[in-house]
Amino acid sequence: MVIDEQALGELDAEQLREVSQRLLAELRHQRALNEKLAYECALLKQLKFAAKSERHSLDQRNLLEEELDGDLAAVEHEIEQLRPGPAATEKQQPKRAPLPANLPRREIRHEPTSTTCQCGCQLKRIGEDVAEKLDYVPGVFTVERLVRGKWACAKCQTLTQAPVDAHVIDKGIPTAGLLAQVLVAKYADHQPLYRQENIFGRAGLAIPRSTLAQWVGTCGAQLQPLVDALKTEVLGHRVLHGDETPVAMLKPGHGKTHRAYLWAYAPGAFEDMKAVVYDFCESRAGEHARTFLGDWRGSLICDDYAGYKASFGQGVTEAGCLAHARRKFFDLHAANKSQIAELALQQFARVYEIEREVKELETEQRQAVRQQHSRPILDALHQWMVLQRQQVAGNSATATAKALDYSLKRWSALTRFVNDPQLPADNNWIENQIRPVALGRSNWLFAGSLRAGQRAAAVMSLIQSARMNGHDPYAYLKDVLTRLPTHKASRIDELLPHRWQPGAI
């Protein structure tokens, strides 16, 4: 509204009051807008932006080829498991080149426990079968020579040979140690297969990335029952954490990526089980969370994402994240040194100091301390926020109003932990488990397919769960892949990361 001085002098008192009210309203709007822009500008200065993706480079095409090879290998393995018996005709397999003679070799002999034939005659050694498996200790290739002696009875012509232990890839050359190394490097160290190909080449044998991808696909299919069992045990707990992070996924037939999501679920920080299960989905739609949780009913600690809301209407109890509420005031204080934000942060700090003290206490003691000390602080903080919100300009777009509204609208969920000693105050436990995924995104670039993303989620679930229980992921996967082919399905829970014992039989 523009009024020149001459026109202003011609206005009467009533008109002047009307102009003044309009100017004050416009001034409040501009002040709120300036505060909002200053707040957003300060946040942007704090963020570190990664380089934006451009056209698909050669490395990106290599990643896609790896994922497709892995998908094909996983599908072939699943089809093979469904076949009732061997095919009537076997197609010709290409002859594999022998392993380099210069690699160190370690012989593992398999001989019968007895060299006496069932007919009573002494067996004679007439030869042997030799199969070579490629092993890998980080930085060094070795070859395991599986020597199976042939023993025959001269009288009844009986041939005796000791059996060889089953392998995850029986007709392939890799040992469980080499397969574990490839999986850990890809999913824990975030090394794409084309980089591993170069690393292995420096160690003395360049393994084609297509072969590595086939190994990864087969291992992913073999390990899936273990991940399914882990999910069942996670859903057996009353308190769960939930969070999600975006991961780019290639759109079939488009050559472009779209935003998929990796969801993460873990038992509560105070539960007796340390594990995490990742669930790769095409989108952030709440139906994915509902599908994963199924009939589970308990307390879910999560942020305020709307995708969880439908679950809360179906019997799941919402437990808010106090760290998210605190973060709103932290950003506000960082942007403009707000006194309101500073006072709020001081009260949050008092609550977190109490949480550090009760972390190691028994359940009953934790609840008693929270009721005695945390409850009065939070009640006073809530009353203070209500009064501050009444004094803030009615425009809810201001940063101060948004910070206050975030807490006030979710206060019941944010403070539910005070009355339930099994609930932690925030969702930081699951955010720590999802952080390795966020760190690895710059190396992955994208998931080549939905199946590839699901395979990555399965293997990463086992790797991260092993870490949470203090295990070396390489040692864990090597032992599991060694035992899995002959392990009874009814005892699969013995191989779960939180129950696995190094060297167990």
Protein backbone atom coordinates (compact mmCIF):
# COMPACT_ATOMS: atom_id res chain seq x y z
CA MET A 1 0.00 0.00 0.00
CA VAL A 2 1.54 3.28 -1.16
CA ILE A 3 0.24 6.70 0.08
CA ASP A 4 2.00 9.97 -0.69
CA GLU A 5 2.40 12.73 1.92
CA GLN A 6 -0.21 15.00 0.31
CA ALA A 7 -2.90 12.30 0.32
CA LEU A 8 -1.97 11.36 3.91
CA GLY A 9 -2.58 14.94 5.04
CA GLU A 10 -6.11 14.88 3.62
CA LEU A 11 -7.21 11.81 5.62
CA ASP A 12 -9.41 12.13 8.67
CA ALA A 13 -8.78 10.39 12.00
CA GLU A 14 -10.77 7.24 11.16
CA GLN A 15 -8.98 6.84 7.83
CA LEU A 16 -5.62 7.35 9.54
CA ARG A 17 -6.39 4.58 12.05
CA GLU A 18 -7.32 2.24 9.20
CA VAL A 19 -4.08 3.03 7.35
CA SER A 20 -2.09 2.50 10.53
CA GLN A 21 -3.63 -0.92 11.13
CA ARG A 22 -2.86 -1.99 7.56
CA LEU A 23 0.72 -0.81 7.87
CA LEU A 24 1.19 -2.64 11.19
CA ALA A 25 -0.21 -5.86 9.68
CA GLU A 26 2.12 -5.53 6.71
CA LEU A 27 5.04 -4.82 9.03
CA ARG A 28 4.31 -7.96 11.08
CA HIS A 29 4.11 -10.01 7.91
CA GLN A 30 7.42 -8.66 6.62
CA ARG A 31 9.08 -9.22 9.99
CA ALA A 32 7.88 -12.86 10.08
CA LEU A 33 9.04 -13.35 6.50
CA ASN A 34 12.47 -11.92 7.27
CA GLU A 35 12.79 -14.15 10.32
CA LYS A 36 11.82 -17.18 8.24
CA LEU A 37 14.32 -16.36 5.49
CA ALA A 38 17.11 -15.69 7.99
CA TYR A 39 16.35 -19.02 9.69
CA GLU A 40 16.43 -20.95 6.40
CA CYS A 41 19.62 -19.16 5.30
CA ALA A 42 21.35 -20.10 8.55
CA LEU A 43 20.32 -23.73 8.15
CA LEU A 44 21.61 -23.88 4.59
CA LYS A 45 24.96 -22.56 5.71
CA GLN A 46 25.24 -25.44 8.19
CA LEU A 47 24.48 -28.14 5.68
CA LYS A 48 27.17 -29.81 3.64
CA PHE A 49 25.95 -30.61 0.18
CA ALA A 50 27.34 -33.57 -1.71
CA ALA A 51 28.03 -33.22 -5.40
CA LYS A 52 24.82 -33.53 -7.39
CA SER A 53 24.46 -36.50 -9.71
CA GLU A 54 24.69 -35.73 -13.40
CA ARG A 55 24.68 -38.11 -16.30
CA HIS A 56 25.39 -41.76 -15.70
CA SER A 57 29.13 -42.24 -15.85
CA LEU A 58 30.95 -45.44 -16.83
CA ASP A 59 31.24 -46.34 -13.16
CA GLN A 60 27.47 -45.96 -12.75
CA ARG A 61 26.84 -48.27 -15.70
CA ASN A 62 29.21 -50.77 -14.11
CA LEU A 63 27.19 -50.62 -10.91
CA LEU A 64 24.00 -51.37 -12.83
CA GLU A 65 25.61 -54.34 -14.59
CA GLU A 66 26.76 -55.70 -11.24
CA GLU A 67 23.26 -55.49 -9.78
CA LEU A 68 21.68 -57.21 -12.79
CA ASP A 69 24.20 -60.06 -12.64
CA GLY A 70 23.49 -60.44 -8.94
CA ASP A 71 19.72 -60.44 -9.56
CA LEU A 72 20.08 -63.14 -12.21
CA ALA A 73 22.22 -65.29 -9.93
CA ALA A 74 19.72 -64.92 -7.07
CA VAL A 75 16.80 -65.84 -9.32
CA GLU A 76 18.68 -68.86 -10.72
CA HIS A 77 19.45 -70.03 -7.19
CA GLU A 78 15.79 -69.70 -6.15
CA ILE A 79 14.65 -71.59 -9.26
CA GLU A 80 17.20 -74.31 -8.58
CA GLN A 81 15.81 -74.76 -5.06
CA LEU A 82 12.31 -75.28 -6.49
CA ARG A 83 13.33 -77.98 -8.96
CA PRO A 84 12.28 -81.48 -7.82
CA GLY A 85 15.40 -83.10 -9.23
CA PRO A 86 18.25 -82.74 -11.70
CA ALA A 87 17.32 -81.73 -15.23
CA ALA A 88 17.08 -84.49 -17.80
CA THR A 89 19.77 -82.93 -19.93
CA GLU A 90 22.62 -80.85 -18.63
CA LYS A 91 23.79 -78.03 -20.80
CA GLN A 92 27.47 -77.77 -21.55
CA GLN A 93 29.31 -75.68 -19.01
CA PRO A 94 32.26 -73.60 -20.18
CA LYS A 95 35.57 -75.01 -18.98
CA ARG A 96 37.03 -72.98 -16.15
CA ALA A 97 40.63 -71.85 -16.43
CA PRO A 98 42.90 -73.36 -13.75
CA LEU A 99 43.86 -71.20 -10.82
CA PRO A 100 47.32 -69.60 -11.11
CA ALA A 101 50.10 -72.00 -10.11
CA ASN A 102 52.00 -69.25 -8.25
CA LEU A 103 49.34 -68.84 -5.56
CA PRO A 104 50.12 -70.49 -2.19
CA ARG A 105 48.28 -73.73 -1.67
CA ARG A 106 47.04 -75.51 1.44
CA GLU A 107 46.00 -79.12 1.14
CA ILE A 108 42.95 -80.39 2.99
CA ARG A 109 42.84 -84.19 2.80
CA HIS A 110 39.65 -86.23 3.00
CA GLU A 111 40.31 -89.92 3.61
CA PRO A 112 38.01 -92.71 4.86
CA THR A 113 38.05 -93.28 8.59
CA SER A 114 38.70 -96.97 7.90
CA THR A 115 40.61 -98.59 5.04
CA THR A 116 39.06 -102.00 5.63
CA CYS A 117 36.32 -103.02 3.17
CA GLN A 118 32.94 -104.27 4.39
CA CYS A 119 33.89 -107.66 3.01
CA GLY A 120 36.95 -107.78 5.29
CA CYS A 121 39.68 -107.03 2.71
CA GLN A 122 42.20 -104.22 3.01
CA LEU A 123 41.51 -101.31 0.67
CA LYS A 124 44.21 -100.10 -1.68
CA ARG A 125 44.68 -96.47 -2.68
CA ILE A 126 44.21 -96.25 -6.45
CA GLY A 127 44.25 -92.51 -6.94
CA GLU A 128 42.60 -89.29 -5.87
CA ASP A 129 40.31 -86.50 -6.98
CA VAL A 130 41.52 -82.94 -6.51
CA ALA A 131 39.32 -79.84 -6.46
CA GLU A 132 40.66 -76.35 -5.86
CA LYS A 133 38.83 -73.59 -4.00
CA LEU A 134 40.02 -70.00 -4.09
CA ASP A 135 40.42 -68.51 -0.61
CA TYR A 136 41.20 -64.97 0.43
CA VAL A 137 42.66 -63.45 3.56
CA PRO A 138 42.49 -59.66 3.17
CA GLY A 139 45.30 -58.79 0.77
CA VAL A 140 46.41 -62.39 0.10
CA PHE A 141 44.98 -65.11 -2.12
CA THR A 142 45.60 -68.76 -1.27
CA VAL A 143 44.26 -71.98 -2.77
CA GLU A 144 42.69 -74.80 -0.81
CA ARG A 145 43.42 -78.18 -2.46
CA LEU A 146 40.62 -80.56 -1.53
CA VAL A 147 42.25 -83.97 -2.06
CA ARG A 148 39.88 -86.95 -1.90
CA GLY A 149 41.74 -90.22 -1.92
CA LYS A 150 40.24 -93.10 -3.90
CA TRP A 151 40.31 -96.45 -2.17
CA ALA A 152 39.28 -99.70 -3.85
CA CYS A 153 38.80 -103.27 -2.78
CA ALA A 154 40.62 -105.74 -5.05
CA LYS A 155 38.16 -108.50 -4.22
CA CYS A 156 34.69 -106.89 -4.55
CA GLN A 157 35.74 -103.86 -6.62
CA THR A 158 34.19 -101.45 -4.09
CA LEU A 159 35.31 -97.81 -4.45
CA THR A 160 35.46 -95.71 -1.28
CA GLN A 161 35.94 -91.94 -0.98
CA ALA A 162 35.42 -89.53 1.93
CA PRO A 163 32.76 -86.88 1.29
CA VAL A 164 33.61 -83.19 1.01
CA ASP A 165 31.78 -80.63 3.09
CA ALA A 166 29.02 -78.77 1.27
CA HIS A 167 29.70 -75.17 0.21
CA VAL A 168 27.41 -72.22 -0.41
CA ILE A 169 28.52 -72.34 -4.06
CA ASP A 170 29.39 -76.00 -4.55
CA LYS A 171 30.36 -75.79 -8.21
CA GLY A 172 32.23 -72.52 -7.84
CA ILE A 173 35.75 -71.73 -6.76
CA PRO A 174 35.16 -69.38 -3.78
CA THR A 175 35.47 -70.48 -0.17
CA ALA A 176 33.27 -69.05 2.56
CA GLY A 177 36.14 -66.73 3.49
CA LEU A 178 36.29 -65.18 0.02
CA LEU A 179 32.51 -64.79 -0.16
CA ALA A 180 32.46 -63.13 3.26
CA GLN A 181 35.18 -60.73 2.13
CA VAL A 182 33.21 -59.71 -0.98
CA LEU A 183 30.00 -59.17 1.02
CA VAL A 184 31.67 -57.18 3.80
CA ALA A 185 33.59 -55.04 1.33
CA LYS A 186 30.43 -54.29 -0.67
CA TYR A 187 27.91 -53.77 2.12
CA ALA A 188 30.02 -52.69 5.12
CA ASP A 189 32.97 -50.91 3.49
CA HIS A 190 30.82 -49.65 0.57
CA GLN A 191 33.24 -50.87 -2.11
CA PRO A 192 31.42 -51.50 -5.44
CA LEU A 193 32.40 -54.68 -7.23
CA TYR A 194 34.34 -52.91 -9.97
CA ARG A 195 36.63 -51.53 -7.28
CA GLN A 196 36.97 -54.94 -5.67
CA GLU A 197 37.93 -56.33 -9.06
CA ASN A 198 40.85 -53.90 -9.13
CA ILE A 199 41.80 -54.66 -5.52
CA PHE A 200 41.85 -58.41 -6.20
CA GLY A 201 43.90 -57.76 -9.33
CA ARG A 202 46.60 -56.12 -7.21
CA ALA A 203 46.55 -59.17 -4.93
CA GLY A 204 47.37 -61.45 -7.85
CA LEU A 205 44.07 -62.50 -9.44
CA ALA A 206 41.54 -60.19 -11.08
CA ILE A 207 38.09 -61.77 -10.63
CA PRO A 208 35.57 -60.43 -13.20
CA ARG A 209 32.92 -58.27 -11.62
CA SER A 210 30.22 -60.35 -13.32
CA THR A 211 31.49 -63.37 -11.39
CA LEU A 212 31.57 -61.37 -8.16
CA ALA A 213 28.00 -60.23 -8.81
CA GLN A 214 26.83 -63.83 -9.28
CA TRP A 215 28.44 -64.76 -5.97
CA VAL A 216 26.71 -61.85 -4.23
CA GLY A 217 23.33 -62.78 -5.70
CA THR A 218 23.62 -66.42 -4.64
CA CYS A 219 24.76 -65.50 -1.12
CA GLY A 220 21.90 -63.04 -0.76
CA ALA A 221 19.39 -65.77 -1.61
CA GLN A 222 21.06 -68.24 0.77
CA LEU A 223 21.12 -65.74 3.68
CA GLN A 224 17.48 -64.62 3.29
CA PRO A 225 16.03 -67.29 5.64
CA LEU A 226 18.41 -66.02 8.32
CA VAL A 227 17.15 -62.45 7.84
CA ASP A 228 13.53 -63.65 7.96
CA ALA A 229 14.23 -65.34 11.29
CA LEU A 230 15.90 -62.15 12.56
CA LYS A 231 12.83 -60.10 11.59
CA THR A 232 10.55 -62.51 13.46
CA GLU A 233 12.59 -62.13 16.64
CA VAL A 234 12.73 -58.33 16.31
CA LEU A 235 8.94 -58.17 16.03
CA GLY A 236 8.72 -60.25 19.19
CA HIS A 237 9.68 -57.20 21.29
CA ARG A 238 7.18 -54.73 22.75
CA VAL A 239 9.27 -51.62 22.01
CA LEU A 240 10.66 -50.86 18.55
CA HIS A 241 12.54 -48.01 16.92
CA GLY A 242 11.67 -47.03 13.36
CA ASP A 243 13.36 -44.71 10.87
CA GLU A 244 13.95 -44.38 7.14
CA THR A 245 16.51 -42.83 4.78
CA PRO A 246 16.35 -42.16 1.02
CA VAL A 247 18.34 -44.26 -1.46
CA ALA A 248 18.32 -43.69 -5.22
CA MET A 249 16.99 -46.58 -7.33
CA LEU A 250 17.14 -46.93 -11.09
CA LYS A 251 13.80 -46.83 -12.88
CA PRO A 252 13.44 -49.83 -15.23
CA GLY A 253 13.65 -48.75 -18.85
CA HIS A 254 14.15 -45.06 -18.11
CA GLY A 255 17.87 -44.76 -17.37
CA LYS A 256 16.99 -42.37 -14.55
CA THR A 257 16.78 -42.79 -10.82
CA HIS A 258 13.96 -42.07 -8.41
CA ARG A 259 13.91 -41.86 -4.64
CA ALA A 260 13.43 -45.19 -2.91
CA TYR A 261 13.75 -45.67 0.86
CA LEU A 262 15.57 -47.95 3.23
CA TRP A 263 13.49 -48.43 6.38
CA ALA A 264 15.14 -49.60 9.60
CA TYR A 265 13.61 -51.29 12.63
CA ALA A 266 15.31 -52.29 15.88
CA PRO A 267 14.26 -53.41 19.36
CA GLY A 268 14.17 -50.57 21.90
CA ALA A 269 17.44 -49.35 23.36
CA PHE A 270 16.49 -50.90 26.72
CA GLU A 271 15.41 -54.26 25.24
CA ASP A 272 17.58 -57.36 25.74
CA MET A 273 18.19 -57.92 22.01
CA LYS A 274 20.62 -55.93 19.88
CA ALA A 275 19.69 -56.15 16.23
CA VAL A 276 18.45 -54.13 13.28
CA VAL A 277 16.46 -55.18 10.22
CA TYR A 278 16.51 -53.04 7.08
CA ASP A 279 13.60 -53.07 4.63
CA PHE A 280 14.19 -51.65 1.14
CA CYS A 281 11.03 -50.24 -0.45
CA GLU A 282 10.20 -48.33 -3.60
CA SER A 283 8.81 -45.32 -1.75
CA ARG A 284 8.20 -43.70 1.64
CA ALA A 285 4.52 -44.61 1.68
CA GLY A 286 3.20 -45.59 5.08
CA GLU A 287 1.90 -48.89 3.68
CA HIS A 288 5.48 -50.22 3.73
CA ALA A 289 5.72 -49.70 7.49
CA ARG A 290 2.32 -51.33 8.00
CA THR A 291 3.34 -54.31 5.85
CA PHE A 292 6.56 -54.81 7.79
CA LEU A 293 4.93 -54.50 11.22
CA GLY A 294 1.96 -56.69 10.26
CA ASP A 295 0.04 -57.73 13.39
CA TRP A 296 2.66 -56.29 15.74
CA ARG A 297 1.24 -54.12 18.51
CA GLY A 298 3.57 -52.23 20.80
CA SER A 299 5.28 -48.88 21.28
CA LEU A 300 6.99 -47.49 18.17
CA ILE A 301 9.58 -44.76 18.69
CA CYS A 302 9.77 -42.62 15.56
CA ASP A 303 9.79 -39.09 14.23
CA ASP A 304 6.64 -37.23 13.21
CA TYR A 305 6.51 -38.65 9.67
CA ALA A 306 2.87 -39.02 8.59
CA GLY A 307 3.51 -42.51 7.18
CA TYR A 308 3.35 -43.99 10.69
CA LYS A 309 0.02 -42.36 11.58
CA ALA A 310 -2.15 -45.14 10.13
CA SER A 311 -0.37 -47.70 12.31
CA PHE A 312 -1.15 -45.61 15.40
CA GLY A 313 -4.82 -45.94 14.54
CA GLN A 314 -4.50 -49.74 14.43
CA GLY A 315 -3.23 -50.39 17.93
CA VAL A 316 0.40 -49.28 17.73
CA THR A 317 1.37 -46.80 20.46
CA GLU A 318 3.25 -43.68 19.33
CA ALA A 319 6.38 -42.73 21.26
CA GLY A 320 7.90 -39.44 20.13
CA CYS A 321 11.53 -38.48 19.76
CA LEU A 322 12.65 -35.79 22.22
CA ALA A 323 15.80 -35.21 20.17
CA HIS A 324 13.71 -34.06 17.20
CA ALA A 325 11.88 -31.55 19.40
CA ARG A 326 15.17 -30.30 20.83
CA ARG A 327 16.64 -30.02 17.32
CA LYS A 328 13.98 -27.46 16.33
CA PHE A 329 15.13 -25.13 19.12
CA PHE A 330 18.79 -25.84 18.38
CA ASP A 331 18.33 -24.75 14.75
CA LEU A 332 16.39 -21.68 15.91
CA HIS A 333 19.16 -20.69 18.32
CA ALA A 334 21.84 -21.27 15.69
CA ALA A 335 19.95 -19.04 13.26
CA ASN A 336 19.31 -15.97 15.40
CA LYS A 337 20.47 -16.63 19.00
CA SER A 338 16.87 -16.72 20.16
CA GLN A 339 16.46 -16.38 23.92
CA ILE A 340 13.36 -18.58 23.81
CA ALA A 341 15.38 -21.30 22.11
CA GLU A 342 18.21 -20.93 24.61
CA LEU A 343 15.89 -21.37 27.60
CA ALA A 344 14.25 -24.42 25.98
CA LEU A 345 17.64 -25.99 25.28
CA GLN A 346 18.63 -25.58 28.92
CA GLN A 347 15.57 -27.55 30.06
CA PHE A 348 16.15 -30.27 27.47
CA ALA A 349 19.73 -30.54 28.72
CA ARG A 350 18.48 -31.16 32.28
CA VAL A 351 16.25 -33.99 31.06
CA TYR A 352 19.10 -35.59 29.08
CA GLU A 353 21.39 -35.35 32.09
CA ILE A 354 18.88 -37.44 34.02
CA GLU A 355 18.65 -39.91 31.11
CA ARG A 356 22.42 -40.44 31.23
CA GLU A 357 22.12 -41.25 34.93
CA VAL A 358 19.26 -43.77 34.56
CA LYS A 359 20.68 -45.50 31.47
CA GLU A 360 22.24 -48.36 33.46
CA LEU A 361 19.57 -48.60 36.17
CA GLU A 362 17.03 -51.37 36.56
CA THR A 363 13.55 -50.83 35.15
CA GLU A 364 11.84 -49.93 38.44
CA GLN A 365 14.62 -47.56 39.47
CA ARG A 366 14.59 -45.85 36.07
CA GLN A 367 10.88 -45.15 36.28
CA ALA A 368 11.15 -43.86 39.87
CA VAL A 369 13.94 -41.41 39.00
CA ARG A 370 12.09 -40.19 35.92
CA GLN A 371 8.91 -39.59 37.88
CA GLN A 372 10.76 -37.77 40.65
CA HIS A 373 13.08 -35.60 38.57
CA SER A 374 12.13 -35.59 34.85
CA ARG A 375 8.37 -35.19 35.30
CA PRO A 376 8.53 -31.79 37.13
CA ILE A 377 11.00 -30.42 34.56
CA LEU A 378 8.85 -31.47 31.61
CA ASP A 379 5.61 -30.21 33.20
CA ALA A 380 7.20 -26.81 33.83
CA LEU A 381 8.64 -26.77 30.30
CA HIS A 382 5.21 -27.48 28.83
CA GLN A 383 3.57 -24.64 30.76
CA TRP A 384 6.36 -22.27 29.72
CA MET A 385 5.95 -23.26 26.04
CA VAL A 386 2.20 -22.62 26.20
CA LEU A 387 2.76 -19.12 27.59
CA GLN A 388 5.50 -18.36 25.05
CA ARG A 389 3.27 -19.51 22.19
CA GLN A 390 0.55 -17.10 23.31
CA GLN A 391 3.05 -14.22 23.15
CA VAL A 392 4.44 -15.14 19.73
CA ALA A 393 2.77 -13.46 16.76
CA GLY A 394 -0.23 -15.36 15.46
CA ASN A 395 1.56 -16.08 12.20
CA SER A 396 2.46 -19.76 12.52
CA ALA A 397 5.06 -19.42 9.75
CA THR A 398 7.64 -17.89 12.10
CA ALA A 399 10.52 -20.14 13.12
CA THR A 400 9.78 -19.61 16.82
CA ALA A 401 6.14 -20.60 16.38
CA LYS A 402 7.11 -23.69 14.39
CA ALA A 403 9.57 -24.85 17.07
CA LEU A 404 6.98 -24.38 19.80
CA ASP A 405 4.16 -25.97 17.80
CA TYR A 406 6.24 -29.07 16.99
CA SER A 407 6.58 -29.87 20.70
CA LEU A 408 3.14 -28.73 21.87
CA LYS A 409 1.23 -30.72 19.25
CA ARG A 410 3.15 -33.93 20.11
CA TRP A 411 3.66 -33.43 23.83
CA SER A 412 1.85 -36.60 24.88
CA ALA A 413 3.98 -38.79 22.59
CA LEU A 414 7.19 -36.90 23.42
CA THR A 415 6.80 -37.45 27.17
CA ARG A 416 5.44 -41.01 27.09
CA PHE A 417 8.85 -42.32 28.12
CA VAL A 418 8.40 -40.84 31.63
CA ASN A 419 5.64 -43.34 32.42
CA ASP A 420 7.18 -46.32 30.59
CA PRO A 421 10.69 -47.30 31.78
CA GLN A 422 11.28 -49.45 28.67
CA LEU A 423 10.95 -46.43 26.39
CA PRO A 424 14.03 -44.31 25.67
CA ALA A 425 13.64 -40.56 25.41
CA ASP A 426 14.51 -40.36 21.72
CA ASN A 427 15.09 -42.26 18.49
CA ASN A 428 18.87 -41.84 18.43
CA TRP A 429 19.42 -45.60 18.81
CA ILE A 430 18.01 -46.39 15.37
CA GLU A 431 19.51 -43.26 13.81
CA ASN A 432 22.94 -44.57 14.81
CA GLN A 433 22.17 -47.86 13.05
CA ILE A 434 21.02 -46.13 9.87
CA ARG A 435 24.01 -43.78 9.74
CA PRO A 436 26.33 -46.30 7.97
CA VAL A 437 23.79 -46.45 5.16
CA ALA A 438 23.82 -42.68 4.77
CA LEU A 439 27.63 -42.68 4.74
CA GLY A 440 27.77 -45.28 1.98
CA ARG A 441 25.35 -43.64 -0.45
CA SER A 442 28.08 -41.63 -2.19
CA ASN A 443 29.79 -44.90 -3.13
CA TRP A 444 26.70 -46.84 -4.14
CA LEU A 445 25.30 -44.04 -6.37
CA PHE A 446 22.08 -46.04 -6.73
CA ALA A 447 20.43 -49.43 -6.40
CA GLY A 448 20.12 -51.10 -9.80
CA SER A 449 16.77 -52.74 -9.05
CA LEU A 450 14.25 -53.42 -6.29
CA ARG A 451 15.67 -56.92 -5.84
CA ALA A 452 19.20 -55.54 -5.55
CA GLY A 453 18.04 -53.09 -2.89
CA GLN A 454 16.29 -55.85 -0.97
CA ARG A 455 19.39 -58.06 -1.18
CA ALA A 456 21.54 -55.21 0.13
CA ALA A 457 19.08 -54.62 2.98
CA ALA A 458 19.20 -58.32 3.94
CA VAL A 459 23.00 -58.57 4.03
CA MET A 460 23.37 -55.21 5.78
CA SER A 461 20.88 -56.37 8.44
CA LEU A 462 23.20 -59.25 9.34
CA ILE A 463 26.37 -57.16 9.13
CA GLN A 464 25.09 -54.30 11.28
CA SER A 465 23.49 -56.67 13.79
CA ALA A 466 26.81 -58.49 14.10
CA ARG A 467 28.52 -55.16 14.79
CA MET A 468 25.95 -54.27 17.43
CA ASN A 469 26.79 -57.50 19.26
CA GLY A 470 30.54 -56.86 19.14
CA HIS A 471 31.31 -59.36 16.36
CA ASP A 472 33.67 -58.89 13.44
CA PRO A 473 31.30 -58.99 10.40
CA TYR A 474 33.87 -60.87 8.33
CA ALA A 475 34.36 -63.59 10.97
CA TYR A 476 30.61 -63.84 11.47
CA LEU A 477 29.70 -64.18 7.79
CA LYS A 478 32.57 -66.58 7.09
CA ASP A 479 31.41 -68.91 9.84
CA VAL A 480 27.74 -68.63 8.89
CA LEU A 481 28.42 -69.27 5.20
CA THR A 482 30.54 -72.29 6.17
CA ARG A 483 27.84 -73.83 8.35
CA LEU A 484 24.70 -72.72 6.50
CA PRO A 485 24.65 -75.41 3.74
CA THR A 486 24.39 -78.25 6.29
CA HIS A 487 22.64 -76.40 9.13
CA LYS A 488 19.15 -77.57 10.03
CA ALA A 489 16.41 -75.09 9.16
CA SER A 490 14.75 -75.75 12.51
CA ARG A 491 17.88 -74.45 14.27
CA ILE A 492 18.46 -71.40 12.08
CA ASP A 493 18.07 -69.11 15.11
CA GLU A 494 21.46 -70.38 16.39
CA LEU A 495 23.16 -68.47 13.57
CA LEU A 496 21.50 -65.11 14.32
CA PRO A 497 24.04 -62.41 15.25
CA HIS A 498 22.84 -61.98 18.84
CA ARG A 499 23.15 -65.75 19.49
CA TRP A 500 26.16 -66.63 17.35
CA GLN A 501 29.26 -67.79 19.17
CA PRO A 502 32.66 -67.69 17.41
CA GLY A 503 33.91 -71.20 16.71
CA ALA A 504 30.62 -72.84 17.71
CA ILE A 505 29.75 -76.14 16.08
